Amino acid sequence: MDDEPPESDTFQNQADPPRLTVIDGGGGDDQPKAKAKGNAKRRKLTSKQERFLSEMIRGATQADAYRMAYNAKGMKPSAIYTEAGRVMANPEVSRRLHAAQASVERAAASSALSRRRFVLEGLEREATQADSDSARVAALIALGKTSGVDLFTDRVEQVADRSPEDLRQELAQRLQDLLGTG
């Protein structure tokens, strides 16, 4: 049988050896088109589009990136904005820009988590190994204030000694005073 695994000691110790199942995709006249579409490579950008993209990644506005990448001398600002929008409308330019921005965001989040971990580990070390009692207490207080622990957060409670009817009357009076109908 074609579905049986080859005789090998690789699969002898496994309860269910892996099996390869081939499923016919249907074929037909449009098969080569679908295959070509699936294998589409990343579209190439012109050198000006690459420069525009590079400037956008560095944080330039669309108009400034267009000015740096293209010959915009003598162009009206409205024309520059329009052309910059056209470059941004290129699917490959916008895809790469979004990918670069997502990468920067991931790196920033990772860096922030690393810094947070460094600070917390330092505080924990100080809380257990500091030479003075006051340093250990200060480290413990700082740890207690961190997000997630929240032991030393300031909470303000307001207690109203007035009845709902008193508040309603006060609000009605204020509204009359503001509207000049009182």
Protein backbone atom coordinates (compact mmCIF):
# COMPACT_ATOMS: atom_id res chain seq x y z
CA MET A 1 0.00 0.00 0.00
CA ASP A 2 1.08 3.55 -0.69
CA ASP A 3 -0.11 4.89 2.67
CA GLU A 4 2.04 2.56 4.79
CA PRO A 5 5.20 4.01 6.34
CA PRO A 6 8.53 2.68 5.14
CA GLU A 7 10.12 -0.09 7.17
CA SER A 8 12.41 1.84 9.45
CA ASP A 9 13.26 1.92 13.14
CA THR A 10 12.38 5.64 13.12
CA PHE A 11 8.68 4.87 13.43
CA GLN A 12 8.85 1.74 15.57
CA ASN A 13 8.72 3.62 18.89
CA GLN A 14 5.85 5.90 17.84
CA ALA A 15 2.25 4.93 18.46
CA ASP A 16 0.89 6.54 15.27
CA PRO A 17 3.53 7.23 12.61
CA PRO A 18 2.92 10.36 10.55
CA ARG A 19 1.11 9.85 7.27
CA LEU A 20 1.19 11.96 4.16
CA THR A 21 -2.16 12.49 2.52
CA VAL A 22 -2.40 14.12 -0.88
CA ILE A 23 -5.63 15.96 -1.59
CA ASP A 24 -6.48 16.78 -5.17
CA GLY A 25 -7.15 20.52 -5.46
CA GLY A 26 -9.57 20.09 -8.32
CA GLY A 27 -7.27 21.16 -11.16
CA GLY A 28 -8.97 22.67 -14.14
CA ASP A 29 -8.17 25.39 -16.66
CA ASP A 30 -7.40 28.06 -14.09
CA GLN A 31 -4.82 25.94 -12.22
CA PRO A 32 -1.72 27.65 -13.70
CA LYS A 33 -3.12 31.10 -12.86
CA ALA A 34 -3.70 30.16 -9.23
CA LYS A 35 -0.24 28.65 -9.00
CA ALA A 36 1.39 31.77 -10.45
CA LYS A 37 -0.59 33.98 -8.08
CA GLY A 38 0.45 31.90 -5.06
CA ASN A 39 4.12 32.13 -6.01
CA ALA A 40 4.06 35.89 -6.54
CA LYS A 41 7.28 37.40 -5.25
CA ARG A 42 7.60 40.67 -3.44
CA ARG A 43 7.05 43.44 -5.94
CA LYS A 44 10.03 45.59 -6.69
CA LEU A 45 9.91 49.30 -6.06
CA THR A 46 11.67 51.96 -8.04
CA SER A 47 14.65 53.65 -6.43
CA LYS A 48 12.49 56.75 -5.82
CA GLN A 49 9.78 54.68 -4.17
CA GLU A 50 12.44 52.99 -2.03
CA ARG A 51 13.78 56.40 -0.98
CA PHE A 52 10.24 57.64 -0.24
CA LEU A 53 9.65 54.54 1.88
CA SER A 54 12.97 54.98 3.66
CA GLU A 55 12.12 58.58 4.58
CA MET A 56 8.66 57.56 5.79
CA ILE A 57 10.20 54.87 8.00
CA ARG A 58 12.52 57.51 9.47
CA GLY A 59 9.44 59.53 10.45
CA ALA A 60 9.10 62.08 7.65
CA THR A 61 5.66 63.23 6.56
CA GLN A 62 4.39 61.99 3.22
CA ALA A 63 5.00 65.40 1.66
CA ASP A 64 8.55 65.66 3.04
CA ALA A 65 9.34 62.11 1.98
CA TYR A 66 8.08 62.92 -1.52
CA ARG A 67 10.22 66.07 -1.66
CA MET A 68 13.32 64.09 -0.65
CA ALA A 69 12.71 61.22 -3.05
CA TYR A 70 11.38 62.99 -6.11
CA ASN A 71 12.18 66.17 -8.00
CA ALA A 72 9.52 68.39 -6.46
CA LYS A 73 11.06 71.77 -7.33
CA GLY A 74 8.46 74.08 -8.74
CA MET A 75 5.58 71.88 -7.62
CA LYS A 76 2.74 73.39 -5.65
CA PRO A 77 2.22 72.00 -2.16
CA SER A 78 -1.16 70.62 -3.19
CA ALA A 79 0.47 68.72 -6.07
CA ILE A 80 3.12 67.32 -3.72
CA TYR A 81 0.42 66.12 -1.31
CA THR A 82 -1.47 64.51 -4.17
CA GLU A 83 1.59 62.74 -5.59
CA ALA A 84 2.73 61.63 -2.14
CA GLY A 85 -0.71 60.12 -1.62
CA ARG A 86 -0.38 58.26 -4.91
CA VAL A 87 2.96 56.79 -3.87
CA MET A 88 1.46 55.75 -0.54
CA ALA A 89 -1.45 54.15 -2.39
CA ASN A 90 1.00 51.71 -3.95
CA PRO A 91 0.18 48.44 -2.15
CA GLU A 92 3.81 47.41 -1.83
CA VAL A 93 4.88 50.78 -0.39
CA SER A 94 2.10 50.77 2.20
CA ARG A 95 2.67 47.08 3.03
CA ARG A 96 6.37 47.62 3.66
CA LEU A 97 5.72 50.78 5.67
CA HIS A 98 3.19 49.01 7.89
CA ALA A 99 5.60 46.09 8.33
CA ALA A 100 8.41 48.46 9.33
CA GLN A 101 6.14 50.34 11.75
CA ALA A 102 4.98 47.07 13.31
CA SER A 103 8.60 46.02 13.72
CA VAL A 104 9.47 49.30 15.43
CA GLU A 105 6.46 48.92 17.74
CA ARG A 106 7.46 45.36 18.64
CA ALA A 107 11.02 46.48 19.35
CA ALA A 108 9.79 49.36 21.55
CA ALA A 109 7.47 47.04 23.48
CA SER A 110 10.26 44.53 23.94
CA SER A 111 12.64 47.25 25.11
CA ALA A 112 10.08 48.57 27.59
CA LEU A 113 9.51 45.08 28.97
CA SER A 114 13.26 44.56 29.30
CA ARG A 115 13.64 47.83 31.18
CA ARG A 116 10.70 46.97 33.43
CA ARG A 117 12.19 43.54 34.18
CA PHE A 118 15.59 45.13 34.92
CA VAL A 119 14.06 47.64 37.34
CA LEU A 120 11.93 45.05 39.11
CA GLU A 121 14.83 42.63 39.46
CA GLY A 122 16.99 45.43 40.84
CA LEU A 123 14.32 46.39 43.35
CA GLU A 124 13.89 42.76 44.39
CA ARG A 125 17.65 42.46 44.86
CA GLU A 126 17.71 45.66 46.94
CA ALA A 127 14.73 44.49 49.00
CA THR A 128 16.60 41.35 50.03
CA GLN A 129 20.26 42.32 49.95
CA ALA A 130 20.53 46.04 50.76
CA ASP A 131 22.95 46.99 53.53
CA SER A 132 20.49 49.18 55.42
CA ASP A 133 16.98 48.57 56.63
CA SER A 134 15.78 51.86 55.14
CA ALA A 135 17.05 50.85 51.67
CA ARG A 136 15.24 47.52 51.91
CA VAL A 137 12.01 49.21 53.02
CA ALA A 138 12.27 51.79 50.21
CA ALA A 139 12.76 48.99 47.67
CA LEU A 140 9.78 47.10 49.05
CA ILE A 141 7.61 50.21 48.88
CA ALA A 142 8.67 50.80 45.28
CA LEU A 143 7.84 47.18 44.44
CA GLY A 144 4.49 47.54 46.19
CA LYS A 145 3.61 50.54 44.01
CA THR A 146 4.26 48.71 40.73
CA SER A 147 1.41 47.88 38.43
CA GLY A 148 -0.11 44.56 39.30
CA VAL A 149 0.89 44.76 42.96
CA ASP A 150 -0.77 48.12 43.76
CA LEU A 151 -0.34 47.88 47.54
CA PHE A 152 0.48 51.54 48.07
CA THR A 153 -1.85 53.34 45.70
CA ASP A 154 -3.64 56.43 46.90
CA ARG A 155 -7.38 56.11 46.85
CA VAL A 156 -9.68 59.03 47.41
CA GLU A 157 -13.16 58.32 48.64
CA GLN A 158 -15.84 60.95 48.59
CA VAL A 159 -18.73 60.55 50.94
CA ALA A 160 -21.85 62.57 50.24
CA ASP A 161 -23.99 63.38 53.21
CA ARG A 162 -26.80 64.80 51.08
CA SER A 163 -29.91 63.06 49.97
CA PRO A 164 -30.74 62.56 46.29
CA GLU A 165 -33.59 65.08 46.64
CA ASP A 166 -31.18 67.75 47.97
CA LEU A 167 -28.86 67.15 45.01
CA ARG A 168 -31.77 67.34 42.56
CA GLN A 169 -32.87 70.69 44.00
CA GLU A 170 -29.33 72.06 43.93
CA LEU A 171 -28.89 71.03 40.28
CA ALA A 172 -32.25 72.53 39.34
CA GLN A 173 -31.26 75.81 41.01
CA ARG A 174 -27.90 75.88 39.22
CA LEU A 175 -29.59 75.24 35.87
CA GLN A 176 -32.05 78.08 36.51
CA ASP A 177 -29.17 80.41 37.43
CA LEU A 178 -27.23 79.48 34.28
CA LEU A 179 -30.24 79.82 32.00
CA GLY A 180 -31.39 83.03 33.67
CA THR A 181 -34.86 81.67 34.31
CA GLY A 182 -34.69 81.91 38.09
